[in-house]
Amino acid sequence: MSLQFEIVPVTPFQQNCSIIWCDETMEAAMVDPGGDIDLLKEKVQQLGLTLTKLILTHGHLDHVGGTAPLAKEFSIPVIGPHKDDAFWLQGLPRQSEMFGFPMTEAFEPTEWLNDGETVTVGKQTLSVLHTPGHTPGHVVLHSADANVAFVGDVLFKGGVGRTDFPQGDYQTLINSIKGKLWPLGNAVIFIPGHGPVSTFGQERASNPFVADEMPLY
């Protein structure tokens, strides 16, 4: 019994929506259903899963654009992000205009998430870490059993999240990565909001923004 996942890039921004599920109950959740709803629904059907909730790491449009219609169609709750991202969710119509996305109405999740809480998917449990910096209400989800973390736009292979958006802060982001993610262990595989997966250990060794100690050449 373990947590399984499949990454489905969605929207013109190629945002990594993760379909995650418990392989014992086949109950599933979507992490950051940013758009391309038909593609996501088709993948859930192909995998034979029962979608039970939607989980959001933060309030940016490319991560949440498909949330409201999916929640309505499947009659399922929306979990997260942290309440400090409420202003991003309320500003979705404006985000839609700015980025040329289909109009996305503002919404509020069924439940906000706080640091130290847990989210269940079937019989699997994910720990919640509040990781501000990219946005003030960003959260990361970690499965100790599967040794995997869904980190949204906090950390990328070879990079870190942007901090030039409203209420973003570079030093806060770096503190979130080093103070919240690194203690989870070097072997943890992480799924970023965009681009390829990596491990915390690999980023500690080579990521120019957050490496422990860069070699001198």
Protein backbone atom coordinates (compact mmCIF):
# COMPACT_ATOMS: atom_id res chain seq x y z
CA MET A 1 0.00 0.00 0.00
CA SER A 2 1.48 3.32 -0.99
CA LEU A 3 0.85 6.72 -2.50
CA GLN A 4 1.02 6.77 -6.30
CA PHE A 5 1.13 9.78 -8.57
CA GLU A 6 1.06 10.80 -12.19
CA ILE A 7 2.08 14.23 -13.47
CA VAL A 8 -0.11 15.87 -16.12
CA PRO A 9 1.22 19.19 -17.50
CA VAL A 10 -1.64 21.62 -18.12
CA THR A 11 -2.22 25.17 -19.43
CA PRO A 12 0.09 27.09 -21.77
CA PHE A 13 2.43 27.45 -18.76
CA GLN A 14 2.89 23.63 -18.66
CA GLN A 15 2.01 23.55 -14.97
CA ASN A 16 2.49 20.14 -13.34
CA CYS A 17 -0.88 18.97 -12.06
CA SER A 18 -0.28 15.85 -9.97
CA ILE A 19 -2.97 13.18 -9.78
CA ILE A 20 -2.20 11.33 -6.55
CA TRP A 21 -3.91 8.24 -5.20
CA CYS A 22 -3.93 5.50 -2.60
CA ASP A 23 -3.32 2.21 -4.40
CA GLU A 24 -5.36 0.29 -1.82
CA THR A 25 -8.58 2.31 -1.99
CA MET A 26 -8.03 3.90 -5.45
CA GLU A 27 -9.24 7.18 -3.96
CA ALA A 28 -7.51 10.14 -5.58
CA ALA A 29 -6.85 13.85 -5.31
CA MET A 30 -5.55 16.41 -7.77
CA VAL A 31 -2.80 18.76 -6.65
CA ASP A 32 -3.04 22.09 -8.52
CA PRO A 33 -5.62 21.41 -11.25
CA GLY A 34 -4.69 24.48 -13.26
CA GLY A 35 -6.74 23.83 -16.39
CA ASP A 36 -7.29 21.44 -19.32
CA ILE A 37 -10.13 19.88 -17.37
CA ASP A 38 -11.09 17.32 -20.01
CA LEU A 39 -7.52 15.99 -20.10
CA LEU A 40 -7.46 15.63 -16.31
CA LYS A 41 -10.84 13.90 -16.20
CA GLU A 42 -9.76 11.50 -18.94
CA LYS A 43 -6.61 10.60 -17.03
CA VAL A 44 -8.56 9.91 -13.83
CA GLN A 45 -10.88 7.63 -15.79
CA GLN A 46 -7.99 5.82 -17.49
CA LEU A 47 -6.39 5.14 -14.12
CA GLY A 48 -9.66 3.83 -12.66
CA LEU A 49 -9.66 6.30 -9.80
CA THR A 50 -12.34 7.91 -7.64
CA LEU A 51 -11.62 11.63 -7.31
CA THR A 52 -12.34 12.74 -3.73
CA LYS A 53 -10.69 16.17 -3.31
CA LEU A 54 -8.69 18.95 -4.92
CA ILE A 55 -5.60 20.31 -3.16
CA LEU A 56 -4.02 23.69 -3.92
CA THR A 57 -0.45 24.70 -3.12
CA HIS A 58 -1.08 28.41 -3.82
CA GLY A 59 -3.43 30.81 -5.53
CA HIS A 60 -1.85 31.51 -8.91
CA LEU A 61 -4.10 31.01 -11.91
CA ASP A 62 -2.03 28.36 -13.68
CA HIS A 63 -2.33 26.19 -10.55
CA VAL A 64 -6.00 26.72 -9.72
CA GLY A 65 -7.81 27.56 -12.98
CA GLY A 66 -9.67 24.25 -13.25
CA THR A 67 -10.56 23.97 -9.58
CA ALA A 68 -14.07 25.43 -9.35
CA PRO A 69 -15.59 23.52 -12.30
CA LEU A 70 -14.02 20.22 -11.18
CA ALA A 71 -15.20 20.69 -7.60
CA LYS A 72 -18.72 21.39 -8.85
CA GLU A 73 -18.85 18.49 -11.31
CA PHE A 74 -17.53 15.90 -8.84
CA SER A 75 -19.10 17.46 -5.72
CA ILE A 76 -15.77 17.34 -3.90
CA PRO A 77 -14.02 19.74 -1.49
CA VAL A 78 -11.19 22.12 -2.28
CA ILE A 79 -8.40 21.93 0.30
CA GLY A 80 -5.80 24.69 0.64
CA PRO A 81 -3.81 26.76 0.25
CA HIS A 82 -3.04 28.75 3.43
CA LYS A 83 -5.46 31.63 4.05
CA ASP A 84 -2.73 34.20 3.33
CA ASP A 85 -3.33 33.47 -0.37
CA ALA A 86 -7.00 34.47 -0.18
CA PHE A 87 -6.27 37.68 -2.09
CA TRP A 88 -4.87 35.67 -5.00
CA LEU A 89 -8.04 33.56 -5.23
CA GLN A 90 -10.21 36.66 -5.00
CA GLY A 91 -8.17 38.23 -7.79
CA LEU A 92 -8.58 35.37 -10.28
CA PRO A 93 -10.69 37.42 -12.75
CA ARG A 94 -7.89 39.98 -12.95
CA GLN A 95 -5.26 37.23 -13.30
CA SER A 96 -7.29 35.80 -16.19
CA GLU A 97 -7.17 39.12 -18.01
CA MET A 98 -3.46 39.63 -17.38
CA PHE A 99 -2.39 36.23 -18.70
CA GLY A 100 -4.97 35.78 -21.46
CA PHE A 101 -6.58 32.76 -19.79
CA PRO A 102 -10.30 31.91 -19.99
CA MET A 103 -12.22 33.93 -17.39
CA THR A 104 -11.84 32.29 -13.98
CA GLU A 105 -14.16 33.43 -11.24
CA ALA A 106 -13.01 34.03 -7.69
CA PHE A 107 -13.66 31.25 -5.19
CA GLU A 108 -12.85 30.26 -1.64
CA PRO A 109 -11.66 26.75 -0.72
CA THR A 110 -13.70 24.44 1.44
CA GLU A 111 -10.83 24.39 3.92
CA TRP A 112 -7.68 26.46 4.37
CA LEU A 113 -4.48 24.64 5.34
CA ASN A 114 -2.07 25.44 8.17
CA ASP A 115 1.49 24.37 8.91
CA GLY A 116 1.60 21.01 10.67
CA GLU A 117 -1.81 19.79 9.52
CA THR A 118 -2.38 16.66 7.43
CA VAL A 119 -4.44 15.78 4.37
CA THR A 120 -5.59 12.23 3.69
CA VAL A 121 -6.03 10.57 0.32
CA GLY A 122 -7.60 7.18 0.87
CA LYS A 123 -5.42 5.58 3.54
CA GLN A 124 -2.42 7.77 2.71
CA THR A 125 -1.47 10.86 4.74
CA LEU A 126 0.29 13.98 3.52
CA SER A 127 1.89 16.49 5.89
CA VAL A 128 1.33 20.20 5.28
CA LEU A 129 4.20 22.69 5.43
CA HIS A 130 3.51 26.42 5.15
CA THR A 131 6.23 27.71 2.80
CA PRO A 132 5.78 31.43 2.07
CA GLY A 133 8.00 33.45 -0.24
CA HIS A 134 6.65 32.82 -3.75
CA THR A 135 3.23 33.68 -2.35
CA PRO A 136 2.46 34.33 1.33
CA GLY A 137 0.06 31.39 1.62
CA HIS A 138 2.00 28.74 -0.29
CA VAL A 139 1.99 25.21 1.12
CA VAL A 140 3.96 22.04 0.36
CA LEU A 141 2.60 18.50 0.76
CA HIS A 142 4.91 15.72 1.91
CA SER A 143 4.38 11.96 2.01
CA ALA A 144 6.91 10.37 4.33
CA ASP A 145 5.83 6.87 3.26
CA ALA A 146 6.31 7.54 -0.45
CA ASN A 147 9.32 9.83 0.13
CA VAL A 148 7.83 12.46 -2.17
CA ALA A 149 6.90 16.14 -1.84
CA PHE A 150 4.63 18.28 -4.00
CA VAL A 151 6.26 21.70 -3.77
CA GLY A 152 4.32 23.91 -6.19
CA ASP A 153 6.42 26.91 -7.21
CA VAL A 154 8.73 27.01 -4.17
CA LEU A 155 11.58 24.99 -5.68
CA PHE A 156 12.54 23.79 -9.17
CA LYS A 157 15.30 21.67 -10.61
CA GLY A 158 18.09 24.23 -10.77
CA GLY A 159 15.96 27.15 -9.64
CA VAL A 160 13.54 28.64 -7.15
CA GLY A 161 10.17 30.34 -7.39
CA ARG A 162 9.72 33.94 -8.50
CA THR A 163 9.38 36.50 -5.74
CA ASP A 164 8.45 39.60 -7.76
CA PHE A 165 4.69 39.07 -7.40
CA PRO A 166 2.63 40.91 -4.76
CA GLN A 167 3.65 39.81 -1.24
CA GLY A 168 6.49 37.67 -2.57
CA ASP A 169 9.82 37.85 -0.74
CA TYR A 170 13.10 36.29 -1.78
CA GLN A 171 14.66 35.79 1.64
CA THR A 172 11.41 34.35 2.99
CA LEU A 173 11.42 31.87 0.09
CA ILE A 174 15.01 30.79 0.75
CA ASN A 175 14.21 30.39 4.45
CA SER A 176 11.20 28.21 3.55
CA ILE A 177 13.34 25.96 1.35
CA LYS A 178 16.23 25.57 3.77
CA GLY A 179 14.18 25.56 6.96
CA LYS A 180 11.15 23.50 5.91
CA LEU A 181 12.21 21.32 2.94
CA TRP A 182 15.82 20.35 3.63
CA PRO A 183 15.01 18.77 7.03
CA LEU A 184 12.72 16.29 5.23
CA GLY A 185 15.83 14.55 3.88
CA ASN A 186 18.10 14.56 0.83
CA ALA A 187 16.46 11.48 -0.67
CA VAL A 188 13.02 13.11 -0.98
CA ILE A 189 11.82 13.32 -4.58
CA PHE A 190 9.98 16.55 -5.28
CA ILE A 191 7.45 17.41 -7.95
CA PRO A 192 7.71 21.10 -8.82
CA GLY A 193 5.00 23.25 -10.32
CA HIS A 194 6.86 23.33 -13.63
CA GLY A 195 9.61 21.28 -15.23
CA PRO A 196 11.31 18.00 -14.27
CA VAL A 197 11.39 16.30 -10.89
CA SER A 198 14.53 16.24 -8.76
CA THR A 199 15.58 15.44 -5.20
CA PHE A 200 16.33 17.77 -2.32
CA GLY A 201 19.83 16.30 -2.13
CA GLN A 202 20.51 17.06 -5.78
CA GLU A 203 19.40 20.68 -5.30
CA ARG A 204 21.48 21.06 -2.15
CA ALA A 205 24.49 19.97 -4.21
CA SER A 206 23.92 21.90 -7.43
CA ASN A 207 21.12 24.50 -7.30
CA PRO A 208 22.85 27.90 -7.52
CA PHE A 209 20.15 29.57 -5.38
CA VAL A 210 20.04 27.18 -2.43
CA ALA A 211 23.04 24.84 -2.60
CA ASP A 212 24.71 24.22 0.73
CA GLU A 213 28.13 25.31 -0.47
CA MET A 214 29.04 26.05 -4.04
CA PRO A 215 32.49 24.85 -5.11
CA LEU A 216 35.12 27.45 -6.01
CA TYR A 217 36.59 27.10 -9.50
